[in-house]
Amino acid sequence: VSNAGVGMVGPLECQSLAAMQSLMDTNFFGLVRLVKEVLPDMKRRRGGHIVVISSIMGLQGIVFNDIYAASKFAVEGFCESLVVQALRFNVAISLVEPGPVTTEFEAKLYEEAERTDYSRTDPETADIFTNLYLRNSKDVFASLGQTPEDIAEHTLRVIEAVRPPFRHQTNVAYTPMAALKHADPSGALMTDAFYKLVFKYDAVLRLSLR
């Protein structure tokens, strides 16, 4: 089970390349190093199961989560490319894709975001992030957040499955979001829906979450 991960939220202009590279080294290359270690023996034995804790953000980017989403997209692409070869050797690969999970990891990430200096971006972007994104995120976690124990139960079901799924989403509230992206290959439908949700109907979003 590959579970190591770090987070990053905020305007792109306020994040250093060094921090981005460090995140990719943990979230993506950490997984690559693990798979390189275990896969050869699994192939020799013609049996094994690699379970990767990904994210719904590996399927759909979310505003102000640019680099974190990029790392999870990399994880998804890596596993999707590898899974067919692995099946030839009777090795399963499974991606567990949670939405928000209520942990100290998330709490510290958002506490740090509230204290960060956003003078390196323009005032409008800083205002959108602090007064729109952070406020809505608290409601999202309070309404839709899962416990670590719940994610562990989902992961256990994937591990024990007779025919392990390649992808397993843990929160049904996010299924429409993934479906919306696939419904329109041009991306226009998804982009328009998210734009309106964030900038036009944010009050309705907050009310529905509460």
N, C-alpha and C. Protein backbone atom coordinates (compact mmCIF):
# COMPACT_ATOMS: atom_id res chain seq x y z
N VAL A 1 0.85 -1.19 0.00
CA VAL A 1 0.00 0.00 0.00
C VAL A 1 0.89 1.24 0.00
N SER A 2 0.70 2.09 -1.00
CA SER A 2 1.43 3.35 -1.08
C SER A 2 0.53 4.47 -0.59
N ASN A 3 0.91 5.09 0.54
CA ASN A 3 0.03 6.07 1.17
C ASN A 3 0.71 7.40 1.45
N ALA A 4 2.01 7.52 1.18
CA ALA A 4 2.71 8.76 1.50
C ALA A 4 2.19 9.91 0.66
N GLY A 5 2.02 11.08 1.27
CA GLY A 5 1.55 12.22 0.51
C GLY A 5 1.68 13.51 1.28
N VAL A 6 1.89 14.61 0.55
CA VAL A 6 1.89 15.94 1.14
C VAL A 6 0.95 16.81 0.31
N GLY A 7 0.45 17.87 0.91
CA GLY A 7 -0.52 18.74 0.23
C GLY A 7 0.04 20.11 -0.05
N MET A 8 -0.66 20.84 -0.90
CA MET A 8 -0.29 22.22 -1.23
C MET A 8 -1.52 22.91 -1.80
N VAL A 9 -1.90 24.04 -1.20
CA VAL A 9 -3.01 24.84 -1.72
C VAL A 9 -2.60 26.30 -1.77
N GLY A 10 -3.22 27.03 -2.68
CA GLY A 10 -2.96 28.47 -2.75
C GLY A 10 -2.68 28.93 -4.16
N PRO A 11 -2.61 30.25 -4.34
CA PRO A 11 -2.30 30.81 -5.66
C PRO A 11 -0.92 30.34 -6.14
N LEU A 12 -0.82 30.02 -7.41
CA LEU A 12 0.40 29.49 -7.99
C LEU A 12 1.59 30.43 -7.78
N GLU A 13 1.36 31.75 -7.90
CA GLU A 13 2.45 32.72 -7.79
C GLU A 13 3.09 32.73 -6.41
N CYS A 14 2.38 32.20 -5.42
CA CYS A 14 2.87 32.24 -4.04
C CYS A 14 3.60 30.96 -3.62
N GLN A 15 3.77 30.03 -4.55
CA GLN A 15 4.39 28.74 -4.23
C GLN A 15 5.74 28.63 -4.92
N SER A 16 6.74 28.19 -4.18
CA SER A 16 8.09 28.08 -4.75
C SER A 16 8.25 26.81 -5.56
N LEU A 17 9.14 26.86 -6.55
CA LEU A 17 9.42 25.68 -7.36
C LEU A 17 10.03 24.57 -6.49
N ALA A 18 10.82 24.96 -5.49
CA ALA A 18 11.42 23.96 -4.60
C ALA A 18 10.35 23.19 -3.84
N ALA A 19 9.32 23.89 -3.37
CA ALA A 19 8.22 23.23 -2.66
C ALA A 19 7.43 22.33 -3.60
N MET A 20 7.23 22.78 -4.84
CA MET A 20 6.53 21.96 -5.83
C MET A 20 7.32 20.68 -6.12
N GLN A 21 8.63 20.81 -6.30
CA GLN A 21 9.48 19.65 -6.58
C GLN A 21 9.49 18.67 -5.41
N SER A 22 9.49 19.20 -4.19
CA SER A 22 9.45 18.35 -3.00
C SER A 22 8.14 17.57 -2.94
N LEU A 23 7.03 18.24 -3.26
CA LEU A 23 5.73 17.57 -3.28
C LEU A 23 5.72 16.45 -4.32
N MET A 24 6.22 16.73 -5.51
CA MET A 24 6.24 15.70 -6.56
C MET A 24 7.15 14.54 -6.16
N ASP A 25 8.23 14.84 -5.46
CA ASP A 25 9.14 13.78 -5.04
C ASP A 25 8.46 12.82 -4.08
N THR A 26 7.61 13.33 -3.22
CA THR A 26 6.87 12.46 -2.28
C THR A 26 5.68 11.80 -2.96
N ASN A 27 4.80 12.62 -3.54
CA ASN A 27 3.52 12.10 -4.04
C ASN A 27 3.66 11.21 -5.26
N PHE A 28 4.58 11.55 -6.16
CA PHE A 28 4.73 10.76 -7.38
C PHE A 28 5.96 9.86 -7.35
N PHE A 29 7.13 10.45 -7.18
CA PHE A 29 8.35 9.63 -7.24
C PHE A 29 8.47 8.69 -6.05
N GLY A 30 7.83 9.03 -4.94
CA GLY A 30 7.78 8.07 -3.82
C GLY A 30 7.08 6.79 -4.22
N LEU A 31 5.97 6.94 -4.95
CA LEU A 31 5.24 5.78 -5.47
C LEU A 31 6.09 5.02 -6.48
N VAL A 32 6.75 5.74 -7.38
CA VAL A 32 7.58 5.10 -8.40
C VAL A 32 8.69 4.28 -7.75
N ARG A 33 9.34 4.83 -6.73
CA ARG A 33 10.41 4.10 -6.04
C ARG A 33 9.87 2.83 -5.40
N LEU A 34 8.69 2.93 -4.79
CA LEU A 34 8.09 1.76 -4.15
C LEU A 34 7.78 0.66 -5.17
N VAL A 35 7.15 1.04 -6.27
CA VAL A 35 6.77 0.06 -7.29
C VAL A 35 8.01 -0.60 -7.90
N LYS A 36 9.05 0.19 -8.14
CA LYS A 36 10.30 -0.37 -8.68
C LYS A 36 10.89 -1.43 -7.75
N GLU A 37 10.67 -1.27 -6.45
CA GLU A 37 11.19 -2.24 -5.47
C GLU A 37 10.37 -3.54 -5.44
N VAL A 38 9.04 -3.41 -5.48
CA VAL A 38 8.19 -4.59 -5.24
C VAL A 38 7.76 -5.30 -6.51
N LEU A 39 7.67 -4.59 -7.63
CA LEU A 39 7.11 -5.19 -8.84
C LEU A 39 7.95 -6.36 -9.40
N PRO A 40 9.28 -6.25 -9.46
CA PRO A 40 10.05 -7.38 -10.03
C PRO A 40 9.80 -8.71 -9.32
N ASP A 41 9.72 -8.70 -7.99
CA ASP A 41 9.47 -9.94 -7.26
C ASP A 41 8.04 -10.44 -7.48
N MET A 42 7.09 -9.51 -7.55
CA MET A 42 5.71 -9.91 -7.83
C MET A 42 5.60 -10.56 -9.21
N LYS A 43 6.33 -10.01 -10.18
CA LYS A 43 6.31 -10.58 -11.54
C LYS A 43 6.93 -11.97 -11.55
N ARG A 44 8.01 -12.15 -10.78
CA ARG A 44 8.63 -13.48 -10.71
C ARG A 44 7.68 -14.49 -10.08
N ARG A 45 6.96 -14.05 -9.04
CA ARG A 45 6.01 -14.94 -8.35
C ARG A 45 4.70 -15.08 -9.11
N ARG A 46 4.52 -14.20 -10.10
CA ARG A 46 3.24 -14.13 -10.84
C ARG A 46 2.07 -13.99 -9.87
N GLY A 47 2.21 -13.01 -9.00
CA GLY A 47 1.13 -12.71 -8.06
C GLY A 47 1.49 -11.52 -7.20
N GLY A 48 0.49 -10.70 -6.90
CA GLY A 48 0.71 -9.55 -6.04
C GLY A 48 -0.38 -8.52 -6.23
N HIS A 49 -0.39 -7.52 -5.38
CA HIS A 49 -1.42 -6.48 -5.43
C HIS A 49 -0.81 -5.19 -4.88
N ILE A 50 -0.76 -4.18 -5.71
CA ILE A 50 -0.27 -2.86 -5.30
C ILE A 50 -1.47 -1.94 -5.17
N VAL A 51 -1.66 -1.39 -3.98
CA VAL A 51 -2.78 -0.48 -3.70
C VAL A 51 -2.23 0.92 -3.50
N VAL A 52 -2.72 1.86 -4.27
CA VAL A 52 -2.21 3.22 -4.25
C VAL A 52 -3.31 4.17 -3.74
N ILE A 53 -3.00 4.94 -2.70
CA ILE A 53 -3.95 5.95 -2.24
C ILE A 53 -3.77 7.18 -3.12
N SER A 54 -4.70 7.35 -4.04
CA SER A 54 -4.68 8.49 -4.95
C SER A 54 -5.61 9.56 -4.40
N SER A 55 -6.43 10.15 -5.23
CA SER A 55 -7.35 11.21 -4.81
C SER A 55 -8.35 11.45 -5.93
N ILE A 56 -9.52 11.97 -5.56
CA ILE A 56 -10.46 12.40 -6.59
C ILE A 56 -9.82 13.48 -7.45
N MET A 57 -8.82 14.17 -6.89
CA MET A 57 -8.11 15.20 -7.65
C MET A 57 -7.11 14.61 -8.63
N GLY A 58 -7.00 13.30 -8.68
CA GLY A 58 -6.28 12.66 -9.77
C GLY A 58 -7.15 12.49 -11.00
N LEU A 59 -8.46 12.71 -10.83
CA LEU A 59 -9.42 12.62 -11.93
C LEU A 59 -9.92 13.99 -12.37
N GLN A 60 -9.93 14.93 -11.43
CA GLN A 60 -10.49 16.26 -11.70
C GLN A 60 -9.71 17.30 -10.91
N GLY A 61 -9.12 18.27 -11.62
CA GLY A 61 -8.42 19.35 -10.94
C GLY A 61 -9.40 20.27 -10.22
N ILE A 62 -8.95 20.80 -9.10
CA ILE A 62 -9.77 21.71 -8.29
C ILE A 62 -9.03 23.04 -8.15
N VAL A 63 -9.76 24.13 -8.25
CA VAL A 63 -9.17 25.47 -8.17
C VAL A 63 -8.28 25.61 -6.93
N PHE A 64 -7.10 26.21 -7.12
CA PHE A 64 -6.09 26.46 -6.09
C PHE A 64 -5.40 25.19 -5.57
N ASN A 65 -5.63 24.06 -6.24
CA ASN A 65 -4.92 22.82 -5.90
C ASN A 65 -4.08 22.36 -7.09
N ASP A 66 -3.54 23.31 -7.83
CA ASP A 66 -2.89 23.03 -9.11
C ASP A 66 -1.79 21.96 -9.00
N ILE A 67 -0.86 22.15 -8.07
CA ILE A 67 0.30 21.28 -7.99
C ILE A 67 -0.06 19.93 -7.36
N TYR A 68 -0.90 19.96 -6.34
CA TYR A 68 -1.34 18.70 -5.72
C TYR A 68 -2.10 17.85 -6.75
N ALA A 69 -3.01 18.48 -7.48
CA ALA A 69 -3.76 17.76 -8.51
C ALA A 69 -2.81 17.21 -9.58
N ALA A 70 -1.82 18.00 -9.96
CA ALA A 70 -0.84 17.54 -10.96
C ALA A 70 -0.13 16.28 -10.48
N SER A 71 0.23 16.24 -9.20
CA SER A 71 0.92 15.06 -8.67
C SER A 71 0.01 13.84 -8.70
N LYS A 72 -1.27 14.01 -8.42
CA LYS A 72 -2.20 12.89 -8.42
C LYS A 72 -2.58 12.47 -9.85
N PHE A 73 -2.62 13.43 -10.77
CA PHE A 73 -2.79 13.08 -12.18
C PHE A 73 -1.61 12.22 -12.64
N ALA A 74 -0.40 12.57 -12.18
CA ALA A 74 0.79 11.78 -12.53
C ALA A 74 0.68 10.36 -11.97
N VAL A 75 0.20 10.24 -10.75
CA VAL A 75 -0.01 8.93 -10.13
C VAL A 75 -1.00 8.11 -10.95
N GLU A 76 -2.10 8.73 -11.35
CA GLU A 76 -3.12 8.02 -12.11
C GLU A 76 -2.59 7.58 -13.48
N GLY A 77 -1.87 8.46 -14.16
CA GLY A 77 -1.32 8.12 -15.46
C GLY A 77 -0.28 7.02 -15.38
N PHE A 78 0.54 7.08 -14.36
CA PHE A 78 1.56 6.06 -14.13
C PHE A 78 0.91 4.69 -13.93
N CYS A 79 -0.09 4.63 -13.07
CA CYS A 79 -0.75 3.35 -12.78
C CYS A 79 -1.56 2.85 -13.97
N GLU A 80 -2.22 3.77 -14.67
CA GLU A 80 -3.03 3.38 -15.83
C GLU A 80 -2.13 2.81 -16.93
N SER A 81 -0.93 3.35 -17.06
CA SER A 81 0.01 2.84 -18.05
C SER A 81 0.58 1.48 -17.65
N LEU A 82 0.73 1.26 -16.35
CA LEU A 82 1.39 0.06 -15.83
C LEU A 82 0.45 -1.13 -15.66
N VAL A 83 -0.84 -0.87 -15.48
CA VAL A 83 -1.77 -1.92 -15.06
C VAL A 83 -1.90 -3.06 -16.07
N VAL A 84 -1.86 -2.75 -17.36
CA VAL A 84 -2.03 -3.79 -18.38
C VAL A 84 -0.85 -4.76 -18.37
N GLN A 85 0.36 -4.20 -18.29
CA GLN A 85 1.55 -5.05 -18.20
C GLN A 85 1.52 -5.89 -16.93
N ALA A 86 1.11 -5.26 -15.82
CA ALA A 86 1.07 -5.97 -14.54
C ALA A 86 0.10 -7.15 -14.58
N LEU A 87 -1.05 -6.97 -15.23
CA LEU A 87 -2.04 -8.04 -15.32
C LEU A 87 -1.49 -9.26 -16.06
N ARG A 88 -0.58 -9.03 -16.99
CA ARG A 88 0.05 -10.14 -17.70
C ARG A 88 0.79 -11.08 -16.75
N PHE A 89 1.24 -10.51 -15.62
CA PHE A 89 1.97 -11.29 -14.61
C PHE A 89 1.10 -11.60 -13.39
N ASN A 90 -0.22 -11.43 -13.55
CA ASN A 90 -1.17 -11.70 -12.47
C ASN A 90 -0.95 -10.78 -11.26
N VAL A 91 -0.52 -9.56 -11.54
CA VAL A 91 -0.33 -8.55 -10.49
C VAL A 91 -1.42 -7.49 -10.64
N ALA A 92 -2.17 -7.24 -9.58
CA ALA A 92 -3.24 -6.24 -9.61
C ALA A 92 -2.71 -4.89 -9.13
N ILE A 93 -3.25 -3.84 -9.72
CA ILE A 93 -2.99 -2.47 -9.26
C ILE A 93 -4.34 -1.82 -9.00
N SER A 94 -4.49 -1.21 -7.84
CA SER A 94 -5.74 -0.54 -7.47
C SER A 94 -5.47 0.88 -7.01
N LEU A 95 -6.27 1.81 -7.49
CA LEU A 95 -6.22 3.21 -7.07
C LEU A 95 -7.42 3.48 -6.16
N VAL A 96 -7.16 3.85 -4.92
CA VAL A 96 -8.22 4.27 -3.99
C VAL A 96 -8.27 5.79 -4.07
N GLU A 97 -9.46 6.34 -4.39
CA GLU A 97 -9.58 7.77 -4.70
C GLU A 97 -10.54 8.47 -3.74
N PRO A 98 -10.04 8.91 -2.58
CA PRO A 98 -10.91 9.63 -1.64
C PRO A 98 -11.16 11.07 -2.09
N GLY A 99 -12.23 11.64 -1.56
CA GLY A 99 -12.43 13.09 -1.62
C GLY A 99 -11.80 13.68 -0.37
N PRO A 100 -12.43 14.67 0.25
CA PRO A 100 -11.87 15.25 1.48
C PRO A 100 -11.90 14.25 2.63
N VAL A 101 -10.79 14.20 3.37
CA VAL A 101 -10.68 13.33 4.54
C VAL A 101 -10.30 14.21 5.73
N THR A 102 -11.04 14.11 6.82
CA THR A 102 -10.83 14.97 7.98
C THR A 102 -9.71 14.41 8.85
N THR A 103 -8.52 14.98 8.71
CA THR A 103 -7.35 14.54 9.48
C THR A 103 -6.55 15.76 9.91
N GLU A 104 -5.53 15.54 10.75
CA GLU A 104 -4.62 16.62 11.12
C GLU A 104 -3.85 17.12 9.90
N PHE A 105 -3.60 16.23 8.95
CA PHE A 105 -2.92 16.59 7.70
C PHE A 105 -3.65 17.76 7.04
N GLU A 106 -4.96 17.62 6.87
CA GLU A 106 -5.75 18.66 6.22
C GLU A 106 -5.86 19.90 7.10
N ALA A 107 -6.07 19.70 8.39
CA ALA A 107 -6.23 20.83 9.31
C ALA A 107 -4.99 21.72 9.30
N LYS A 108 -3.80 21.11 9.37
CA LYS A 108 -2.55 21.88 9.37
C LYS A 108 -2.35 22.59 8.04
N LEU A 109 -2.71 21.91 6.96
CA LEU A 109 -2.56 22.50 5.62
C LEU A 109 -3.37 23.79 5.50
N TYR A 110 -4.60 23.76 5.97
CA TYR A 110 -5.47 24.93 5.84
C TYR A 110 -5.15 26.00 6.89
N GLU A 111 -4.67 25.59 8.06
CA GLU A 111 -4.22 26.58 9.05
C GLU A 111 -3.03 27.36 8.51
N GLU A 112 -2.11 26.64 7.88
CA GLU A 112 -0.94 27.30 7.29
C GLU A 112 -1.36 28.23 6.16
N ALA A 113 -2.34 27.80 5.37
CA ALA A 113 -2.82 28.63 4.25
C ALA A 113 -3.41 29.94 4.74
N GLU A 114 -4.07 29.91 5.90
CA GLU A 114 -4.69 31.12 6.44
C GLU A 114 -3.64 32.12 6.93
N ARG A 115 -2.44 31.61 7.27
CA ARG A 115 -1.38 32.48 7.81
C ARG A 115 -0.40 32.97 6.72
N THR A 116 -0.49 32.43 5.53
CA THR A 116 0.48 32.71 4.48
C THR A 116 0.32 34.12 3.92
N ASP A 117 1.45 34.69 3.51
CA ASP A 117 1.47 36.01 2.87
C ASP A 117 1.17 35.85 1.38
N TYR A 118 0.13 36.52 0.90
CA TYR A 118 -0.26 36.41 -0.50
C TYR A 118 0.03 37.68 -1.30
N SER A 119 1.04 38.42 -0.85
CA SER A 119 1.38 39.67 -1.54
C SER A 119 2.02 39.43 -2.90
N ARG A 120 2.47 38.18 -3.17
CA ARG A 120 3.11 37.90 -4.47
C ARG A 120 2.08 37.66 -5.57
N THR A 121 0.81 37.64 -5.23
CA THR A 121 -0.22 37.56 -6.26
C THR A 121 -1.04 38.84 -6.25
N ASP A 122 -1.92 39.00 -7.21
CA ASP A 122 -2.72 40.22 -7.28
C ASP A 122 -3.81 40.20 -6.20
N PRO A 123 -4.30 41.37 -5.79
CA PRO A 123 -5.28 41.44 -4.71
C PRO A 123 -6.57 40.65 -4.98
N GLU A 124 -7.02 40.63 -6.24
CA GLU A 124 -8.26 39.92 -6.55
C GLU A 124 -8.10 38.42 -6.32
N THR A 125 -6.97 37.85 -6.79
CA THR A 125 -6.72 36.42 -6.59
C THR A 125 -6.59 36.10 -5.11
N ALA A 126 -5.88 36.94 -4.37
CA ALA A 126 -5.72 36.73 -2.93
C ALA A 126 -7.07 36.74 -2.22
N ASP A 127 -7.93 37.66 -2.65
CA ASP A 127 -9.27 37.75 -2.05
C ASP A 127 -10.11 36.53 -2.38
N ILE A 128 -10.05 36.06 -3.63
CA ILE A 128 -10.80 34.86 -4.04
C ILE A 128 -10.36 33.66 -3.20
N PHE A 129 -9.04 33.53 -3.01
CA PHE A 129 -8.53 32.39 -2.26
C PHE A 129 -8.91 32.45 -0.78
N THR A 130 -8.67 33.57 -0.14
CA THR A 130 -8.90 33.66 1.31
C THR A 130 -10.38 33.76 1.68
N ASN A 131 -11.14 34.51 0.90
CA ASN A 131 -12.54 34.76 1.28
C ASN A 131 -13.55 33.86 0.60
N LEU A 132 -13.12 33.16 -0.46
CA LEU A 132 -14.05 32.27 -1.17
C LEU A 132 -13.61 30.82 -1.01
N TYR A 133 -12.40 30.52 -1.44
CA TYR A 133 -11.93 29.13 -1.41
C TYR A 133 -11.80 28.59 0.01
N LEU A 134 -11.07 29.28 0.88
CA LEU A 134 -10.85 28.76 2.23
C LEU A 134 -12.16 28.62 3.00
N ARG A 135 -13.05 29.59 2.83
CA ARG A 135 -14.34 29.54 3.53
C ARG A 135 -15.17 28.36 3.05
N ASN A 136 -15.23 28.16 1.73
CA ASN A 136 -15.99 27.04 1.19
C ASN A 136 -15.36 25.70 1.55
N SER A 137 -14.04 25.65 1.62
CA SER A 137 -13.35 24.40 1.96
C SER A 137 -13.75 23.90 3.33
N LYS A 138 -13.90 24.81 4.28
CA LYS A 138 -14.31 24.41 5.62
C LYS A 138 -15.70 23.76 5.59
N ASP A 139 -16.59 24.32 4.80
CA ASP A 139 -17.94 23.75 4.68
C ASP A 139 -17.89 22.39 3.98
N VAL A 140 -17.03 22.27 2.96
CA VAL A 140 -16.90 20.99 2.23
C VAL A 140 -16.42 19.90 3.18
N PHE A 141 -15.39 20.20 3.97
CA PHE A 141 -14.87 19.19 4.89
C PHE A 141 -15.89 18.84 5.97
N ALA A 142 -16.60 19.85 6.47
CA ALA A 142 -17.60 19.59 7.51
C ALA A 142 -18.76 18.75 6.99
N SER A 143 -19.13 18.96 5.71
CA SER A 143 -20.29 18.29 5.14
C SER A 143 -19.95 16.96 4.49
N LEU A 144 -18.84 16.92 3.74
CA LEU A 144 -18.54 15.76 2.90
C LEU A 144 -17.31 14.97 3.34
N GLY A 145 -16.57 15.48 4.33
CA GLY A 145 -15.34 14.84 4.75
C GLY A 145 -15.56 13.45 5.34
N GLN A 146 -14.68 12.52 4.98
CA GLN A 146 -14.71 11.17 5.54
C GLN A 146 -13.66 11.05 6.64
N THR A 147 -13.83 10.06 7.50
CA THR A 147 -12.84 9.80 8.54
C THR A 147 -11.73 8.91 7.99
N PRO A 148 -10.54 8.94 8.59
CA PRO A 148 -9.49 8.03 8.18
C PRO A 148 -9.92 6.56 8.31
N GLU A 149 -10.72 6.27 9.33
CA GLU A 149 -11.20 4.89 9.53
C GLU A 149 -12.07 4.44 8.36
N ASP A 150 -12.87 5.37 7.84
CA ASP A 150 -13.72 5.05 6.69
C ASP A 150 -12.87 4.73 5.47
N ILE A 151 -11.83 5.52 5.24
CA ILE A 151 -10.93 5.26 4.10
C ILE A 151 -10.22 3.93 4.29
N ALA A 152 -9.84 3.63 5.52
CA ALA A 152 -9.19 2.34 5.80
C ALA A 152 -10.12 1.18 5.48
N GLU A 153 -11.41 1.31 5.81
CA GLU A 153 -12.38 0.26 5.51
C GLU A 153 -12.53 0.07 3.99
N HIS A 154 -12.58 1.17 3.26
CA HIS A 154 -12.65 1.09 1.80
C HIS A 154 -11.40 0.40 1.24
N THR A 155 -10.25 0.75 1.78
CA THR A 155 -8.99 0.16 1.31
C THR A 155 -8.95 -1.33 1.61
N LEU A 156 -9.43 -1.71 2.77
CA LEU A 156 -9.47 -3.13 3.14
C LEU A 156 -10.36 -3.91 2.17
N ARG A 157 -11.50 -3.33 1.79
CA ARG A 157 -12.40 -4.00 0.84
C ARG A 157 -11.70 -4.21 -0.51
N VAL A 158 -10.92 -3.22 -0.92
CA VAL A 158 -10.18 -3.33 -2.18
C VAL A 158 -9.13 -4.44 -2.07
N ILE A 159 -8.42 -4.48 -0.95
CA ILE A 159 -7.38 -5.50 -0.74
C ILE A 159 -7.98 -6.91 -0.74
N GLU A 160 -9.15 -7.06 -0.13
CA GLU A 160 -9.75 -8.39 0.03
C GLU A 160 -10.59 -8.82 -1.17
N ALA A 161 -10.77 -7.94 -2.14
CA ALA A 161 -11.62 -8.27 -3.29
C ALA A 161 -11.04 -9.45 -4.09
N VAL A 162 -11.92 -10.35 -4.50
CA VAL A 162 -11.48 -11.49 -5.33
C VAL A 162 -10.91 -10.98 -6.65
N ARG A 163 -11.60 -10.01 -7.26
CA ARG A 163 -11.09 -9.36 -8.46
C ARG A 163 -10.95 -7.86 -8.15
N PRO A 164 -9.77 -7.45 -7.68
CA PRO A 164 -9.60 -6.06 -7.24
C PRO A 164 -9.90 -5.06 -8.35
N PRO A 165 -10.63 -3.99 -8.03
CA PRO A 165 -10.92 -2.97 -9.04
C PRO A 165 -9.67 -2.14 -9.32
N PHE A 166 -9.58 -1.59 -10.54
CA PHE A 166 -8.47 -0.69 -10.84
C PHE A 166 -8.68 0.65 -10.14
N ARG A 167 -9.93 1.16 -10.18
CA ARG A 167 -10.24 2.41 -9.49
C ARG A 167 -11.38 2.19 -8.49
N HIS A 168 -11.25 2.82 -7.32
CA HIS A 168 -12.30 2.73 -6.31
C HIS A 168 -12.45 4.10 -5.66
N GLN A 169 -13.57 4.78 -5.93
CA GLN A 169 -13.85 6.07 -5.30
C GLN A 169 -14.60 5.84 -3.99
N THR A 170 -14.16 6.53 -2.95
CA THR A 170 -14.70 6.27 -1.61
C THR A 170 -15.89 7.14 -1.25
N ASN A 171 -16.16 8.19 -2.02
CA ASN A 171 -17.20 9.15 -1.66
C ASN A 171 -18.13 9.35 -2.86
N VAL A 172 -19.36 8.83 -2.75
CA VAL A 172 -20.30 8.88 -3.89
C VAL A 172 -20.69 10.31 -4.26
N ALA A 173 -20.46 11.26 -3.35
CA ALA A 173 -20.80 12.66 -3.64
C ALA A 173 -19.98 13.20 -4.80
N TYR A 174 -18.83 12.57 -5.06
CA TYR A 174 -17.94 13.07 -6.11
C TYR A 174 -18.09 12.32 -7.43
N THR A 175 -18.96 11.31 -7.48
CA THR A 175 -19.18 10.57 -8.72
C THR A 175 -19.70 11.46 -9.85
N PRO A 176 -20.66 12.37 -9.60
CA PRO A 176 -21.12 13.24 -10.68
C PRO A 176 -20.02 14.12 -11.25
N MET A 177 -19.08 14.54 -10.40
CA MET A 177 -17.98 15.38 -10.85
C MET A 177 -17.12 14.65 -11.87
N ALA A 178 -16.82 13.38 -11.57
CA ALA A 178 -16.02 12.58 -12.50
C ALA A 178 -16.80 12.29 -13.78
N ALA A 179 -18.11 12.05 -13.63
CA ALA A 179 -18.94 11.75 -14.80
C ALA A 179 -19.07 12.96 -15.72
N LEU A 180 -19.14 14.15 -15.13
CA LEU A 180 -19.28 15.39 -15.90
C LEU A 180 -18.10 15.57 -16.84
N LYS A 181 -16.92 15.25 -16.38
CA LYS A 181 -15.72 15.41 -17.19
C LYS A 181 -15.75 14.48 -18.41
N HIS A 182 -16.21 13.25 -18.20
CA HIS A 182 -16.24 12.27 -19.29
C HIS A 182 -17.42 12.50 -20.24
N ALA A 183 -18.43 13.24 -19.78
CA ALA A 183 -19.61 13.48 -20.61
C ALA A 183 -19.31 14.38 -21.80
N ASP A 184 -18.29 15.24 -21.66
CA ASP A 184 -17.95 16.19 -22.71
C ASP A 184 -16.44 16.21 -22.92
N PRO A 185 -15.93 15.49 -23.92
CA PRO A 185 -14.48 15.41 -24.14
C PRO A 185 -13.80 16.76 -24.37
N SER A 186 -14.56 17.77 -24.79
CA SER A 186 -13.96 19.09 -25.04
C SER A 186 -13.60 19.80 -23.74
N GLY A 187 -14.22 19.40 -22.63
CA GLY A 187 -13.95 20.04 -21.34
C GLY A 187 -14.80 21.26 -21.06
N ALA A 188 -15.57 21.70 -22.04
CA ALA A 188 -16.36 22.94 -21.88
C ALA A 188 -17.43 22.79 -20.81
N LEU A 189 -18.11 21.66 -20.79
CA LEU A 189 -19.20 21.44 -19.83
C LEU A 189 -18.68 21.48 -18.40
N MET A 190 -17.57 20.78 -18.15
CA MET A 190 -16.98 20.74 -16.82
C MET A 190 -16.47 22.12 -16.40
N THR A 191 -15.78 22.80 -17.31
CA THR A 191 -15.22 24.11 -16.98
C THR A 191 -16.32 25.12 -16.66
N ASP A 192 -17.37 25.13 -17.46
CA ASP A 192 -18.48 26.06 -17.25
C ASP A 192 -19.18 25.77 -15.93
N ALA A 193 -19.39 24.49 -15.64
CA ALA A 193 -20.08 24.11 -14.40
C ALA A 193 -19.29 24.54 -13.17
N PHE A 194 -17.98 24.32 -13.20
CA PHE A 194 -17.14 24.67 -12.05
C PHE A 194 -17.00 26.19 -11.91
N TYR A 195 -16.92 26.88 -13.03
CA TYR A 195 -16.83 28.35 -12.97
C TYR A 195 -18.07 28.93 -12.29
N LYS A 196 -19.23 28.45 -12.70
CA LYS A 196 -20.47 28.96 -12.12
C LYS A 196 -20.60 28.58 -10.65
N LEU A 197 -20.15 27.37 -10.31
CA LEU A 197 -20.23 26.91 -8.93
C LEU A 197 -19.36 27.78 -8.01
N VAL A 198 -18.18 28.14 -8.50
CA VAL A 198 -17.23 28.91 -7.69
C VAL A 198 -17.57 30.39 -7.65
N PHE A 199 -17.92 30.98 -8.81
CA PHE A 199 -18.03 32.43 -8.89
C PHE A 199 -19.45 32.98 -8.97
N LYS A 200 -20.43 32.16 -9.33
CA LYS A 200 -21.79 32.68 -9.46
C LYS A 200 -22.74 32.14 -8.38
N TYR A 201 -22.56 30.87 -8.04
CA TYR A 201 -23.51 30.24 -7.12
C TYR A 201 -22.84 29.79 -5.83
N ASP A 202 -21.79 30.51 -5.39
CA ASP A 202 -21.06 30.09 -4.20
C ASP A 202 -21.94 30.15 -2.95
N ALA A 203 -22.87 31.11 -2.91
CA ALA A 203 -23.77 31.20 -1.75
C ALA A 203 -24.70 29.99 -1.70
N VAL A 204 -25.17 29.55 -2.85
CA VAL A 204 -26.02 28.36 -2.92
C VAL A 204 -25.22 27.12 -2.52
N LEU A 205 -23.95 27.06 -2.97
CA LEU A 205 -23.07 25.94 -2.61
C LEU A 205 -22.89 25.86 -1.10
N ARG A 206 -22.59 27.00 -0.47
CA ARG A 206 -22.38 27.00 0.99
C ARG A 206 -23.65 26.60 1.73
N LEU A 207 -24.78 27.10 1.26
CA LEU A 207 -26.05 26.77 1.90
C LEU A 207 -26.35 25.29 1.79
N SER A 208 -26.13 24.72 0.61
CA SER A 208 -26.41 23.29 0.42
C SER A 208 -25.49 22.42 1.25
N LEU A 209 -24.22 22.85 1.41
CA LEU A 209 -23.27 22.08 2.22
C LEU A 209 -23.67 22.10 3.69
N ARG A 210 -24.16 23.26 4.14
CA ARG A 210 -24.56 23.37 5.54
C ARG A 210 -25.85 22.64 5.84
